C-alpha atoms as a PDB file:
ATOM      1  CA  MET A   1      70.481 -40.782 -40.047  1.00  0.00           C
ATOM      2  CA  SER A   2      69.069 -43.510 -37.827  1.00  0.00           C
ATOM      3  CA  ILE A   3      66.329 -41.138 -36.627  1.00  0.00           C
ATOM      4  CA  ILE A   4      65.314 -40.360 -40.216  1.00  0.00           C
ATOM      5  CA  THR A   5      65.233 -44.060 -41.029  1.00  0.00           C
ATOM      6  CA  ALA A   6      63.111 -44.801 -37.957  1.00  0.00           C
ATOM      7  CA  LEU A   7      60.656 -42.018 -38.795  1.00  0.00           C
ATOM      8  CA  ALA A   8      60.412 -43.207 -42.393  1.00  0.00           C
ATOM      9  CA  ALA A   9      59.783 -46.772 -41.252  1.00  0.00           C
ATOM     10  CA  LEU A  10      57.141 -45.616 -38.768  1.00  0.00           C
ATOM     11  CA  GLY A  11      55.473 -43.467 -41.412  1.00  0.00           C
ATOM     12  CA  GLY A  12      55.488 -46.317 -43.878  1.00  0.00           C
ATOM     13  CA  LEU A  13      54.007 -48.702 -41.313  1.00  0.00           C
ATOM     14  CA  THR A  14      51.298 -46.181 -40.454  1.00  0.00           C
ATOM     15  CA  LEU A  15      50.458 -45.745 -44.134  1.00  0.00           C
ATOM     16  CA  LEU A  16      50.351 -49.507 -44.637  1.00  0.00           C
ATOM     17  CA  LEU A  17      48.031 -49.991 -41.659  1.00  0.00           C
ATOM     18  CA  ALA A  18      45.759 -47.186 -42.875  1.00  0.00           C
ATOM     19  CA  ILE A  19      45.526 -48.807 -46.299  1.00  0.00           C
ATOM     20  CA  MET A  20      44.762 -52.184 -44.701  1.00  0.00           C
ATOM     21  CA  LEU A  21      41.996 -50.629 -42.585  1.00  0.00           C
ATOM     22  CA  ILE A  22      40.453 -48.927 -45.620  1.00  0.00           C
ATOM     23  CA  VAL A  23      40.507 -52.184 -47.602  1.00  0.00           C
ATOM     24  CA  ALA A  24      39.115 -54.171 -44.641  1.00  0.00           C
ATOM     25  CA  ASN A  25      36.346 -51.624 -44.136  1.00  0.00           C
ATOM     26  CA  LYS A  26      35.276 -51.954 -47.765  1.00  0.00           C
ATOM     27  CA  LYS A  27      35.544 -55.733 -47.785  1.00  0.00           C
ATOM     28  CA  LEU A  28      33.833 -56.320 -44.435  1.00  0.00           C
ATOM     29  CA  TYR A  29      31.251 -53.531 -44.627  1.00  0.00           C
ATOM     30  CA  VAL A  30      27.728 -54.713 -43.864  1.00  0.00           C
ATOM     31  CA  PHE A  31      24.957 -52.501 -45.138  1.00  0.00           C
ATOM     32  CA  GLU A  32      22.349 -51.532 -42.528  1.00  0.00           C
ATOM     33  CA  ASP A  33      19.057 -50.212 -43.758  1.00  0.00           C
ATOM     34  CA  PRO A  34      18.749 -46.608 -42.495  1.00  0.00           C
ATOM     35  CA  ARG A  35      15.038 -47.211 -41.932  1.00  0.00           C
ATOM     36  CA  ILE A  36      15.940 -49.336 -38.921  1.00  0.00           C
ATOM     37  CA  ASP A  37      17.049 -46.234 -37.005  1.00  0.00           C
ATOM     38  CA  VAL A  38      13.804 -44.449 -37.851  1.00  0.00           C
ATOM     39  CA  VAL A  39      11.650 -47.397 -36.729  1.00  0.00           C
ATOM     40  CA  ASP A  40      13.765 -47.839 -33.593  1.00  0.00           C
ATOM     41  CA  ASP A  41      13.104 -44.202 -32.657  1.00  0.00           C
ATOM     42  CA  LEU A  42       9.352 -44.812 -32.987  1.00  0.00           C
ATOM     43  CA  LEU A  43       9.441 -47.739 -30.543  1.00  0.00           C
ATOM     44  CA  PRO A  44       8.966 -47.299 -26.761  1.00  0.00           C
ATOM     45  CA  LYS A  45      12.523 -48.483 -25.920  1.00  0.00           C
ATOM     46  CA  ALA A  46      11.105 -50.764 -23.228  1.00  0.00           C
ATOM     47  CA  ASN A  47      13.233 -53.748 -24.296  1.00  0.00           C
ATOM     48  CA  CYS A  48      10.694 -55.891 -22.451  1.00  0.00           C
ATOM     49  CA  GLY A  49      10.710 -58.913 -24.747  1.00  0.00           C
ATOM     50  CA  ALA A  50       6.912 -59.024 -25.028  1.00  0.00           C
ATOM     51  CA  CYS A  51       7.237 -59.300 -28.813  1.00  0.00           C
ATOM     52  CA  GLY A  52       9.392 -62.392 -28.421  1.00  0.00           C
ATOM     53  CA  MET A  53      12.616 -60.581 -29.304  1.00  0.00           C
ATOM     54  CA  PRO A  54      15.493 -59.524 -27.046  1.00  0.00           C
ATOM     55  CA  GLY A  55      15.028 -55.806 -27.568  1.00  0.00           C
ATOM     56  CA  CYS A  56      13.479 -52.963 -29.532  1.00  0.00           C
ATOM     57  CA  ARG A  57      16.420 -52.744 -31.939  1.00  0.00           C
ATOM     58  CA  THR A  58      16.011 -56.368 -32.943  1.00  0.00           C
ATOM     59  CA  PHE A  59      12.280 -55.802 -33.365  1.00  0.00           C
ATOM     60  CA  ALA A  60      12.956 -52.759 -35.573  1.00  0.00           C
ATOM     61  CA  GLU A  61      15.227 -54.860 -37.786  1.00  0.00           C
ATOM     62  CA  ALA A  62      12.553 -57.558 -38.083  1.00  0.00           C
ATOM     63  CA  VAL A  63       9.856 -55.023 -38.997  1.00  0.00           C
ATOM     64  CA  VAL A  64      12.017 -53.436 -41.690  1.00  0.00           C
ATOM     65  CA  LYS A  65      12.809 -56.880 -43.129  1.00  0.00           C
ATOM     66  CA  GLY A  66       9.084 -57.647 -43.241  1.00  0.00           C
ATOM     67  CA  GLU A  67       9.358 -60.543 -40.798  1.00  0.00           C
ATOM     68  CA  VAL A  68       6.804 -59.046 -38.384  1.00  0.00           C
ATOM     69  CA  LEU A  69       4.243 -56.261 -38.489  1.00  0.00           C
ATOM     70  CA  PRO A  70       4.301 -53.140 -36.253  1.00  0.00           C
ATOM     71  CA  GLY A  71       1.235 -54.308 -34.328  1.00  0.00           C
ATOM     72  CA  LYS A  72       3.217 -57.127 -32.734  1.00  0.00           C
ATOM     73  CA  CYS A  73       4.683 -54.625 -30.278  1.00  0.00           C
ATOM     74  CA  THR A  74       1.957 -54.574 -27.647  1.00  0.00           C
ATOM     75  CA  VAL A  75       3.810 -51.985 -25.565  1.00  0.00           C
ATOM     76  CA  ASN A  76       3.865 -49.274 -28.212  1.00  0.00           C
ATOM     77  CA  SER A  77       1.068 -46.729 -28.413  1.00  0.00           C
ATOM     78  CA  GLU A  78      -1.449 -46.836 -31.245  1.00  0.00           C
ATOM     79  CA  GLU A  79       0.101 -43.640 -32.584  1.00  0.00           C
ATOM     80  CA  GLY A  80       3.562 -45.204 -32.560  1.00  0.00           C
ATOM     81  CA  LYS A  81       2.428 -48.380 -34.294  1.00  0.00           C
ATOM     82  CA  ASN A  82       0.514 -46.445 -36.934  1.00  0.00           C
ATOM     83  CA  ALA A  83       3.498 -44.150 -37.512  1.00  0.00           C
ATOM     84  CA  ILE A  84       5.728 -47.169 -38.204  1.00  0.00           C
ATOM     85  CA  ALA A  85       3.148 -48.742 -40.504  1.00  0.00           C
ATOM     86  CA  ASP A  86       2.728 -45.477 -42.444  1.00  0.00           C
ATOM     87  CA  TYR A  87       6.482 -44.912 -42.708  1.00  0.00           C
ATOM     88  CA  LEU A  88       7.176 -48.401 -44.061  1.00  0.00           C
ATOM     89  CA  GLY A  89       3.974 -48.600 -46.090  1.00  0.00           C
ATOM     90  CA  VAL A  90       2.926 -51.870 -44.473  1.00  0.00           C
ATOM     91  CA  ALA A  91      -0.176 -53.133 -42.702  1.00  0.00           C
ATOM     92  CA  LEU A  92      -0.457 -52.428 -38.989  1.00  0.00           C
ATOM     93  CA  GLY A  93      -1.206 -56.041 -38.164  1.00  0.00           C
ATOM     94  CA  ASP A  94      -3.489 -57.352 -35.462  1.00  0.00           C
ATOM     95  CA  GLU A  95      -1.952 -58.956 -32.429  1.00  0.00           C
ATOM     96  CA  ASP A  96      -4.037 -60.761 -29.828  1.00  0.00           C
ATOM     97  CA  LYS A  97      -3.334 -59.081 -26.516  1.00  0.00           C
ATOM     98  CA  ILE A  98      -1.556 -61.304 -24.024  1.00  0.00           C
ATOM     99  CA  VAL A  99      -1.707 -60.556 -20.312  1.00  0.00           C
ATOM    100  CA  ALA A 100      -0.360 -61.993 -17.083  1.00  0.00           C
ATOM    101  CA  ARG A 101      -2.836 -64.060 -15.083  1.00  0.00           C
ATOM    102  CA  LEU A 102      -2.548 -65.261 -11.492  1.00  0.00           C
ATOM    103  CA  ALA A 103      -3.711 -68.740 -10.476  1.00  0.00           C
ATOM    104  CA  CYS A 104      -4.533 -67.921  -6.862  1.00  0.00           C
ATOM    105  CA  GLN A 105      -7.148 -66.016  -4.857  1.00  0.00           C
ATOM    106  CA  GLY A 106      -5.888 -66.977  -1.419  1.00  0.00           C
ATOM    107  CA  GLY A 107      -5.545 -63.595   0.234  1.00  0.00           C
ATOM    108  CA  SER A 108      -5.120 -63.061   3.957  1.00  0.00           C
ATOM    109  CA  ASN A 109      -8.897 -62.909   4.500  1.00  0.00           C
ATOM    110  CA  VAL A 110      -9.520 -66.426   3.165  1.00  0.00           C
ATOM    111  CA  ALA A 111      -6.215 -68.295   3.524  1.00  0.00           C
ATOM    112  CA  VAL A 112      -4.415 -69.343   6.689  1.00  0.00           C
ATOM    113  CA  ASP A 113      -0.738 -68.902   7.488  1.00  0.00           C
ATOM    114  CA  ARG A 114       0.835 -71.873   9.278  1.00  0.00           C
ATOM    115  CA  ALA A 115       3.804 -69.852  10.489  1.00  0.00           C
ATOM    116  CA  GLU A 116       4.794 -66.267  11.076  1.00  0.00           C
ATOM    117  CA  TYR A 117       7.483 -65.317   8.608  1.00  0.00           C
ATOM    118  CA  GLN A 118      10.090 -62.810   9.745  1.00  0.00           C
ATOM    119  CA  GLY A 119      12.823 -61.984   7.291  1.00  0.00           C
ATOM    120  CA  LEU A 120      13.516 -60.368   3.948  1.00  0.00           C
ATOM    121  CA  SER A 121      10.252 -59.141   2.454  1.00  0.00           C
ATOM    122  CA  SER A 122      10.466 -61.375  -0.590  1.00  0.00           C
ATOM    123  CA  CYS A 123       8.451 -64.362  -1.770  1.00  0.00           C
ATOM    124  CA  SER A 124      11.625 -65.986  -3.073  1.00  0.00           C
ATOM    125  CA  ALA A 125      13.265 -65.679   0.328  1.00  0.00           C
ATOM    126  CA  ALA A 126      10.192 -66.900   2.233  1.00  0.00           C
ATOM    127  CA  SER A 127       9.748 -69.885  -0.090  1.00  0.00           C
ATOM    128  CA  LEU A 128      13.194 -71.161   0.871  1.00  0.00           C
ATOM    129  CA  ILE A 129      11.872 -71.903   4.375  1.00  0.00           C
ATOM    130  CA  SER A 130       9.723 -75.007   3.934  1.00  0.00           C
ATOM    131  CA  GLY A 131       7.939 -73.483   0.958  1.00  0.00           C
ATOM    132  CA  GLY A 132       6.796 -70.392   2.829  1.00  0.00           C
ATOM    133  CA  GLN A 133       4.372 -69.529   5.596  1.00  0.00           C
ATOM    134  CA  LYS A 134       1.129 -70.243   3.726  1.00  0.00           C
ATOM    135  CA  GLY A 135      -1.017 -73.153   4.843  1.00  0.00           C
ATOM    136  CA  CYS A 136      -1.654 -74.003   1.201  1.00  0.00           C
ATOM    137  CA  PHE A 137       1.713 -75.061  -0.207  1.00  0.00           C
ATOM    138  CA  TRP A 138       0.757 -73.823  -3.676  1.00  0.00           C
ATOM    139  CA  GLY A 139      -0.647 -70.461  -2.556  1.00  0.00           C
ATOM    140  CA  CYS A 140       0.585 -66.916  -3.144  1.00  0.00           C
ATOM    141  CA  LEU A 141       2.937 -65.766  -0.385  1.00  0.00           C
ATOM    142  CA  GLY A 142       1.854 -62.160  -0.826  1.00  0.00           C
ATOM    143  CA  LEU A 143       5.218 -60.430  -0.438  1.00  0.00           C
ATOM    144  CA  GLY A 144       5.118 -58.803  -3.859  1.00  0.00           C
ATOM    145  CA  ASP A 145       8.114 -60.044  -5.851  1.00  0.00           C
ATOM    146  CA  CYS A 146       5.902 -59.857  -8.942  1.00  0.00           C
ATOM    147  CA  SER A 147       4.971 -56.236  -8.273  1.00  0.00           C
ATOM    148  CA  VAL A 148       8.587 -55.248  -7.713  1.00  0.00           C
ATOM    149  CA  SER A 149       9.715 -56.973 -10.916  1.00  0.00           C
ATOM    150  CA  CYS A 150       7.099 -55.248 -13.088  1.00  0.00           C
ATOM    151  CA  ASP A 151       8.696 -52.274 -14.849  1.00  0.00           C
ATOM    152  CA  PHE A 152       5.326 -51.111 -16.179  1.00  0.00           C
ATOM    153  CA  ASP A 153       3.553 -50.671 -12.829  1.00  0.00           C
ATOM    154  CA  ALA A 154       0.952 -53.190 -13.997  1.00  0.00           C
ATOM    155  CA  ILE A 155       0.821 -55.220 -10.764  1.00  0.00           C
ATOM    156  CA  GLN A 156      -0.369 -53.898  -7.435  1.00  0.00           C
ATOM    157  CA  MET A 157      -0.835 -55.811  -4.185  1.00  0.00           C
ATOM    158  CA  ASN A 158      -4.372 -55.515  -2.836  1.00  0.00           C
ATOM    159  CA  LYS A 159      -5.256 -55.129   0.840  1.00  0.00           C
ATOM    160  CA  HIS A 160      -5.336 -58.915   1.279  1.00  0.00           C
ATOM    161  CA  GLY A 161      -1.844 -59.438  -0.153  1.00  0.00           C
ATOM    162  CA  ILE A 162      -2.887 -60.745  -3.565  1.00  0.00           C
ATOM    163  CA  PRO A 163      -1.404 -59.296  -6.777  1.00  0.00           C
ATOM    164  CA  GLU A 164      -3.854 -57.600  -9.126  1.00  0.00           C
ATOM    165  CA  VAL A 165      -2.902 -57.140 -12.775  1.00  0.00           C
ATOM    166  CA  ASP A 166      -3.891 -53.997 -14.667  1.00  0.00           C
ATOM    167  CA  VAL A 167      -4.483 -55.489 -18.116  1.00  0.00           C
ATOM    168  CA  GLU A 168      -4.259 -52.048 -19.724  1.00  0.00           C
ATOM    169  CA  LYS A 169      -0.698 -51.606 -18.483  1.00  0.00           C
ATOM    170  CA  CYS A 170       0.401 -55.233 -18.788  1.00  0.00           C
ATOM    171  CA  THR A 171       2.782 -55.853 -21.702  1.00  0.00           C
ATOM    172  CA  ALA A 172       3.169 -59.615 -21.214  1.00  0.00           C
ATOM    173  CA  CYS A 173       6.905 -59.164 -20.707  1.00  0.00           C
ATOM    174  CA  GLY A 174       6.974 -62.224 -18.449  1.00  0.00           C
ATOM    175  CA  ASP A 175       8.954 -60.720 -15.554  1.00  0.00           C
ATOM    176  CA  CYS A 176       6.238 -61.687 -13.065  1.00  0.00           C
ATOM    177  CA  VAL A 177       6.270 -65.242 -14.406  1.00  0.00           C
ATOM    178  CA  GLU A 178       9.996 -65.450 -13.733  1.00  0.00           C
ATOM    179  CA  SER A 179       9.872 -63.802 -10.314  1.00  0.00           C
ATOM    180  CA  CYS A 180       7.092 -65.895  -8.734  1.00  0.00           C
ATOM    181  CA  PRO A 181       8.660 -68.817  -6.826  1.00  0.00           C
ATOM    182  CA  LYS A 182       5.312 -70.639  -6.774  1.00  0.00           C
ATOM    183  CA  GLY A 183       4.826 -70.457 -10.547  1.00  0.00           C
ATOM    184  CA  LEU A 184       1.415 -68.829 -10.157  1.00  0.00           C
ATOM    185  CA  PHE A 185       1.667 -66.439 -13.098  1.00  0.00           C
ATOM    186  CA  SER A 186       1.284 -67.335 -16.757  1.00  0.00           C
ATOM    187  CA  LEU A 187       0.840 -65.335 -19.947  1.00  0.00           C
ATOM    188  CA  GLU A 188      -2.590 -65.845 -21.470  1.00  0.00           C
ATOM    189  CA  PRO A 189      -4.630 -64.379 -24.349  1.00  0.00           C
ATOM    190  CA  ILE A 190      -6.998 -61.828 -22.855  1.00  0.00           C
ATOM    191  CA  GLU A 191      -9.864 -63.434 -24.760  1.00  0.00           C
ATOM    192  CA  ASN A 192      -9.548 -66.592 -22.636  1.00  0.00           C
ATOM    193  CA  ARG A 193     -12.215 -65.677 -20.084  1.00  0.00           C
ATOM    194  CA  LEU A 194     -12.683 -68.956 -18.233  1.00  0.00           C
ATOM    195  CA  TRP A 195      -9.924 -69.254 -15.652  1.00  0.00           C
ATOM    196  CA  VAL A 196      -8.901 -71.629 -12.870  1.00  0.00           C
ATOM    197  CA  ALA A 197      -7.701 -69.280 -10.128  1.00  0.00           C
ATOM    198  CA  CYS A 198      -6.018 -71.982  -8.068  1.00  0.00           C
ATOM    199  CA  LYS A 199      -3.024 -74.309  -8.262  1.00  0.00           C
ATOM    200  CA  ASN A 200      -3.816 -76.659  -5.378  1.00  0.00           C
ATOM    201  CA  LEU A 201      -3.161 -80.297  -6.282  1.00  0.00           C
ATOM    202  CA  GLN A 202      -4.683 -81.749  -3.114  1.00  0.00           C
ATOM    203  CA  LYS A 203      -8.019 -83.498  -3.650  1.00  0.00           C
ATOM    204  CA  GLY A 204     -10.859 -83.148  -1.196  1.00  0.00           C
ATOM    205  CA  ASP A 205     -12.325 -80.638   1.227  1.00  0.00           C
ATOM    206  CA  GLU A 206      -9.245 -80.759   3.472  1.00  0.00           C
ATOM    207  CA  ILE A 207      -7.786 -77.845   1.518  1.00  0.00           C
ATOM    208  CA  LEU A 208     -10.628 -75.660   2.816  1.00  0.00           C
ATOM    209  CA  GLU A 209      -8.987 -75.720   6.245  1.00  0.00           C
ATOM    210  CA  GLU A 210      -6.115 -73.841   4.641  1.00  0.00           C
ATOM    211  CA  CYS A 211      -7.941 -71.751   2.028  1.00  0.00           C
ATOM    212  CA  GLN A 212     -11.655 -71.132   1.631  1.00  0.00           C
ATOM    213  CA  VAL A 213     -11.372 -70.539  -2.129  1.00  0.00           C
ATOM    214  CA  GLY A 214      -9.191 -73.529  -2.997  1.00  0.00           C
ATOM    215  CA  CYS A 215     -10.150 -76.051  -5.664  1.00  0.00           C
ATOM    216  CA  THR A 216     -11.309 -79.340  -4.126  1.00  0.00           C
ATOM    217  CA  ALA A 217     -11.238 -81.269  -7.428  1.00  0.00           C
ATOM    218  CA  CYS A 218     -14.964 -82.003  -7.075  1.00  0.00           C
ATOM    219  CA  GLY A 219     -15.265 -82.293 -10.856  1.00  0.00           C
ATOM    220  CA  LYS A 220     -18.485 -80.312 -11.281  1.00  0.00           C
ATOM    221  CA  CYS A 221     -16.869 -77.874 -13.708  1.00  0.00           C
ATOM    222  CA  VAL A 222     -15.572 -80.787 -15.785  1.00  0.00           C
ATOM    223  CA  MET A 223     -19.060 -82.246 -16.078  1.00  0.00           C
ATOM    224  CA  ASP A 224     -20.624 -78.893 -16.953  1.00  0.00           C
ATOM    225  CA  ALA A 225     -17.973 -77.877 -19.524  1.00  0.00           C
ATOM    226  CA  GLU A 226     -19.003 -80.683 -21.905  1.00  0.00           C
ATOM    227  CA  GLY A 227     -15.487 -81.533 -23.007  1.00  0.00           C
ATOM    228  CA  GLY A 228     -13.965 -78.105 -22.479  1.00  0.00           C
ATOM    229  CA  ILE A 229     -12.253 -79.033 -19.197  1.00  0.00           C
ATOM    230  CA  ASN A 230     -10.219 -82.075 -18.144  1.00  0.00           C
ATOM    231  CA  MET A 231      -9.162 -82.956 -14.613  1.00  0.00           C
ATOM    232  CA  ILE A 232      -5.385 -83.500 -14.505  1.00  0.00           C
ATOM    233  CA  ASP A 233      -3.493 -83.985 -11.225  1.00  0.00           C
ATOM    234  CA  ASN A 234      -6.619 -82.970  -9.267  1.00  0.00           C
ATOM    235  CA  LEU A 235      -6.817 -79.608 -11.038  1.00  0.00           C
ATOM    236  CA  PRO A 236      -9.148 -78.554 -13.865  1.00  0.00           C
ATOM    237  CA  ARG A 237      -7.327 -77.859 -17.137  1.00  0.00           C
ATOM    238  CA  ILE A 238      -9.228 -75.748 -19.643  1.00  0.00           C
ATOM    239  CA  ASN A 239      -9.177 -76.543 -23.358  1.00  0.00           C
ATOM    240  CA  TYR A 240      -9.448 -73.111 -24.941  1.00  0.00           C
ATOM    241  CA  LYS A 241      -9.928 -74.596 -28.388  1.00  0.00           C
ATOM    242  CA  GLU A 242     -13.454 -75.508 -27.343  1.00  0.00           C
ATOM    243  CA  LYS A 243     -16.338 -73.046 -27.223  1.00  0.00           C
ATOM    244  CA  LEU A 244     -16.567 -72.026 -23.588  1.00  0.00           C
ATOM    245  CA  THR A 245     -19.307 -70.317 -21.602  1.00  0.00           C
ATOM    246  CA  GLN A 246     -19.911 -69.332 -17.982  1.00  0.00           C
ATOM    247  CA  LYS A 247     -21.713 -72.613 -17.302  1.00  0.00           C
ATOM    248  CA  PRO A 248     -18.682 -74.389 -15.725  1.00  0.00           C
ATOM    249  CA  ILE A 249     -18.374 -71.745 -12.985  1.00  0.00           C
ATOM    250  CA  GLN A 250     -21.985 -71.961 -11.758  1.00  0.00           C
ATOM    251  CA  ARG A 251     -21.727 -75.054  -9.525  1.00  0.00           C
ATOM    252  CA  CYS A 252     -18.180 -74.504  -8.269  1.00  0.00           C
ATOM    253  CA  PRO A 253     -18.602 -74.571  -4.464  1.00  0.00           C
ATOM    254  CA  THR A 254     -15.555 -72.436  -3.686  1.00  0.00           C
ATOM    255  CA  GLY A 255     -15.345 -70.087  -6.670  1.00  0.00           C
ATOM    256  CA  ALA A 256     -11.960 -71.503  -7.661  1.00  0.00           C
ATOM    257  CA  ILE A 257     -12.970 -71.400 -11.325  1.00  0.00           C
ATOM    258  CA  VAL A 258     -14.088 -67.975 -12.495  1.00  0.00           C
ATOM    259  CA  TRP A 259     -15.090 -65.939 -15.523  1.00  0.00           C
ATOM    260  CA  LEU A 260     -13.052 -62.797 -16.231  1.00  0.00           C
ATOM    261  CA  ASP A 261     -15.051 -59.873 -17.581  1.00  0.00           C
ATOM    262  CA  ASP A 262     -13.607 -56.570 -18.806  1.00  0.00           C
ATOM    263  CA  ASP A 263     -16.260 -54.495 -17.059  1.00  0.00           C
ATOM    264  CA  LYS A 264     -17.415 -56.631 -14.107  1.00  0.00           C
ATOM    265  CA  GLY A 265     -14.056 -58.130 -13.207  1.00  0.00           C
ATOM    266  CA  ILE A 266     -14.049 -61.581 -11.590  1.00  0.00           C
ATOM    267  CA  ILE A 267     -17.398 -63.364 -11.866  1.00  0.00           C
ATOM    268  CA  LYS A 268     -18.095 -66.399  -9.679  1.00  0.00           C
ATOM    269  CA  GLY A 269     -20.869 -68.959  -9.965  1.00  0.00           C
ATOM    270  CA  LYS A 270     -24.244 -68.934  -8.242  1.00  0.00           C
ATOM    271  CA  GLU A 271     -23.343 -71.776  -5.888  1.00  0.00           C
ATOM    272  CA  SER A 272     -19.942 -70.411  -4.916  1.00  0.00           C
ATOM    273  CA  LYS A 273     -19.536 -69.580  -1.247  1.00  0.00           C
ATOM    274  CA  LYS A 274     -19.752 -65.853  -0.644  1.00  0.00           C
ATOM    275  CA  ILE A 275     -16.699 -64.415   1.055  1.00  0.00           C
ATOM    276  CA  ILE A 276     -17.603 -61.679   3.510  1.00  0.00           C
ATOM    277  CA  ARG A 277     -14.584 -61.744   5.796  1.00  0.00           C
ATOM    278  CA  LYS A 278     -12.530 -58.556   5.481  1.00  0.00           C
ATOM    279  CA  GLU A 279      -9.875 -58.924   8.164  1.00  0.00           C
ATOM    280  CA  LYS A 280      -6.798 -61.126   8.090  1.00  0.00           C
ATOM    281  CA  GLN A 281      -7.103 -64.764   9.132  1.00  0.00           C
ATOM    282  CA  LYS A 282      -5.275 -65.603  12.310  1.00  0.00           C
ATOM    283  CA  VAL A 283      -2.037 -67.527  12.036  1.00  0.00           C
ATOM    284  CA  ALA A 284      -2.819 -71.192  12.730  1.00  0.00           C
ATOM    285  CA  PHE A 285       0.258 -72.863  14.177  1.00  0.00           C
ATOM    286  CA  SER A 286       0.336 -76.623  13.786  1.00  0.00           C
END
């Protein structure tokens, strides 16, 4: 009799719990638009954060809600973005392309090492030892943390140990910005052509003993930019709200300020020193 009672009690408890779960499911149910799954499938699944959101799923939810347009995903292909726009019946949306830019040109052929680093092949590791081996404290250490961190193969180290960004592959995810211990990378609109490719804060020609392409804070670019550039902490700061031309690069003696062209690449001014050295600079121990 006790067994029958126990089984009845257990059956009753099971039934009660099932009823409670059914009621809770109905009361707590949150409707999810089925279009989110469709849009999510049309996204690249990169989860890179270039759109400003933590992942593709969150982006899909925002697109379906009408908070953003499909074009905001700079990683997706044109076909993918158009497919989402057609499916939802919304505009594609124009998004200014953002790319990673490096504020340094101090490769091994123009910049001096003040020590010989031996250790883990990592900029972060090298920077822990007195800021790294580079003579210029602000310069790129050339060990490629940025390249390793880039999931889109958009950064390659050139033969002089300087990262080069493939703007076609770059998604502006920001991983290189986070991985560079010197803070040399930033995310910039690709239409911003005038660029200060240096972060040296030391004023004067002394920096040229460490790097031939360092900014000396001579101020010529500031004078020639007619309000488009200010000198702050011995480094030119560009005001991209102003109309800018190639004029500020022409008298730069070291080529620290450049113009970035889609076809010609880096353009330096007429008075910039021509760099012809191809081999690595010798380590200069102090």
